[in-house]
């Protein structure tokens, strides 16, 4: 299941973990926008976001391996 950890730029605000079976992330017009089958689930101005990291275990792309 797709899951994203959103880290705020200010440490006094809590970070957000959001997950949903149909969650997608789009960065546009200065916003980090997470949508699901019903539309926008969460939208945060990019200036308030330090990082957005996909953290689910079932990512489509395999993790890089060291050789």
C-alpha atoms as a PDB file:
ATOM      1  CA  UNK A   1       0.000   0.000   0.000  1.00  0.00           C
ATOM      2  CA  UNK A   2       1.489   3.373  -0.958  1.00  0.00           C
ATOM      3  CA  UNK A   3       2.578   5.417   2.066  1.00  0.00           C
ATOM      4  CA  UNK A   4       4.319   8.799   2.229  1.00  0.00           C
ATOM      5  CA  UNK A   5       6.073  10.497   5.136  1.00  0.00           C
ATOM      6  CA  UNK A   6       5.836  14.279   4.917  1.00  0.00           C
ATOM      7  CA  UNK A   7       8.388  16.166   7.014  1.00  0.00           C
ATOM      8  CA  UNK A   8       7.555  19.789   7.838  1.00  0.00           C
ATOM      9  CA  UNK A   9      10.147  22.537   7.575  1.00  0.00           C
ATOM     10  CA  UNK A  10       9.430  23.652  11.148  1.00  0.00           C
ATOM     11  CA  UNK A  11      10.269  21.109  13.830  1.00  0.00           C
ATOM     12  CA  UNK A  12       7.462  22.222  16.150  1.00  0.00           C
ATOM     13  CA  UNK A  13       4.900  20.865  13.689  1.00  0.00           C
ATOM     14  CA  UNK A  14       4.316  17.140  13.568  1.00  0.00           C
ATOM     15  CA  UNK A  15       5.290  15.095  10.559  1.00  0.00           C
ATOM     16  CA  UNK A  16       2.510  13.362   8.630  1.00  0.00           C
ATOM     17  CA  UNK A  17       2.311   9.735   7.546  1.00  0.00           C
ATOM     18  CA  UNK A  18      -0.424   9.135   4.989  1.00  0.00           C
ATOM     19  CA  UNK A  19      -1.264   5.835   3.310  1.00  0.00           C
ATOM     20  CA  UNK A  20      -3.997   4.590   1.010  1.00  0.00           C
ATOM     21  CA  UNK A  21      -4.326   1.788  -1.525  1.00  0.00           C
ATOM     22  CA  UNK A  22      -4.731   4.294  -4.384  1.00  0.00           C
ATOM     23  CA  UNK A  23      -2.559   7.174  -3.139  1.00  0.00           C
ATOM     24  CA  UNK A  24      -0.526   9.192  -5.616  1.00  0.00           C
ATOM     25  CA  UNK A  25       1.755  12.205  -5.162  1.00  0.00           C
ATOM     26  CA  UNK A  26       1.933  15.189  -7.471  1.00  0.00           C
ATOM     27  CA  UNK A  27       4.102  18.285  -7.003  1.00  0.00           C
ATOM     28  CA  UNK A  28       2.711  21.250  -8.936  1.00  0.00           C
ATOM     29  CA  UNK A  29       2.187  24.978  -8.692  1.00  0.00           C
ATOM     30  CA  UNK A  30       4.061  25.132  -5.377  1.00  0.00           C
ATOM     31  CA  UNK A  31       1.998  22.395  -3.695  1.00  0.00           C
ATOM     32  CA  UNK A  32       2.576  18.787  -2.624  1.00  0.00           C
ATOM     33  CA  UNK A  33      -0.747  17.114  -3.493  1.00  0.00           C
ATOM     34  CA  UNK A  34      -1.733  13.591  -2.464  1.00  0.00           C
ATOM     35  CA  UNK A  35      -4.806  12.149  -4.167  1.00  0.00           C
ATOM     36  CA  UNK A  36      -6.811   8.943  -3.978  1.00  0.00           C
ATOM     37  CA  UNK A  37      -9.864   7.616  -5.833  1.00  0.00           C
ATOM     38  CA  UNK A  38     -12.045  10.329  -4.280  1.00  0.00           C
ATOM     39  CA  UNK A  39      -9.836  13.296  -5.201  1.00  0.00           C
ATOM     40  CA  UNK A  40      -7.416  15.363  -3.127  1.00  0.00           C
ATOM     41  CA  UNK A  41      -6.662  13.708   0.210  1.00  0.00           C
ATOM     42  CA  UNK A  42      -4.032  16.227   1.359  1.00  0.00           C
ATOM     43  CA  UNK A  43      -2.458  19.361  -0.092  1.00  0.00           C
ATOM     44  CA  UNK A  44       0.406  21.215   1.570  1.00  0.00           C
ATOM     45  CA  UNK A  45       2.246  24.298   0.293  1.00  0.00           C
ATOM     46  CA  UNK A  46       5.727  23.216  -0.795  1.00  0.00           C
ATOM     47  CA  UNK A  47       7.266  25.990   1.322  1.00  0.00           C
ATOM     48  CA  UNK A  48       6.078  24.121   4.441  1.00  0.00           C
ATOM     49  CA  UNK A  49       7.526  20.775   3.323  1.00  0.00           C
ATOM     50  CA  UNK A  50      11.133  19.818   4.026  1.00  0.00           C
ATOM     51  CA  UNK A  51      10.794  16.366   2.433  1.00  0.00           C
ATOM     52  CA  UNK A  52       8.302  13.871   1.043  1.00  0.00           C
ATOM     53  CA  UNK A  53       9.498  10.287   1.194  1.00  0.00           C
ATOM     54  CA  UNK A  54       7.731   7.157   0.024  1.00  0.00           C
ATOM     55  CA  UNK A  55       8.022   4.690   2.893  1.00  0.00           C
ATOM     56  CA  UNK A  56       5.815   1.713   2.016  1.00  0.00           C
ATOM     57  CA  UNK A  57       7.303  -1.731   1.645  1.00  0.00           C
ATOM     58  CA  UNK A  58       5.465  -2.589  -1.593  1.00  0.00           C
ATOM     59  CA  UNK A  59       6.973  -0.011  -3.911  1.00  0.00           C
ATOM     60  CA  UNK A  60       6.821  -0.784  -7.625  1.00  0.00           C
ATOM     61  CA  UNK A  61      10.543  -0.231  -8.026  1.00  0.00           C
ATOM     62  CA  UNK A  62      12.948  -2.554  -6.218  1.00  0.00           C
ATOM     63  CA  UNK A  63      15.404  -1.003  -3.770  1.00  0.00           C
ATOM     64  CA  UNK A  64      18.946  -0.621  -5.079  1.00  0.00           C
ATOM     65  CA  UNK A  65      21.318  -3.379  -4.068  1.00  0.00           C
ATOM     66  CA  UNK A  66      24.990  -3.103  -3.209  1.00  0.00           C
ATOM     67  CA  UNK A  67      27.428  -5.403  -4.961  1.00  0.00           C
END
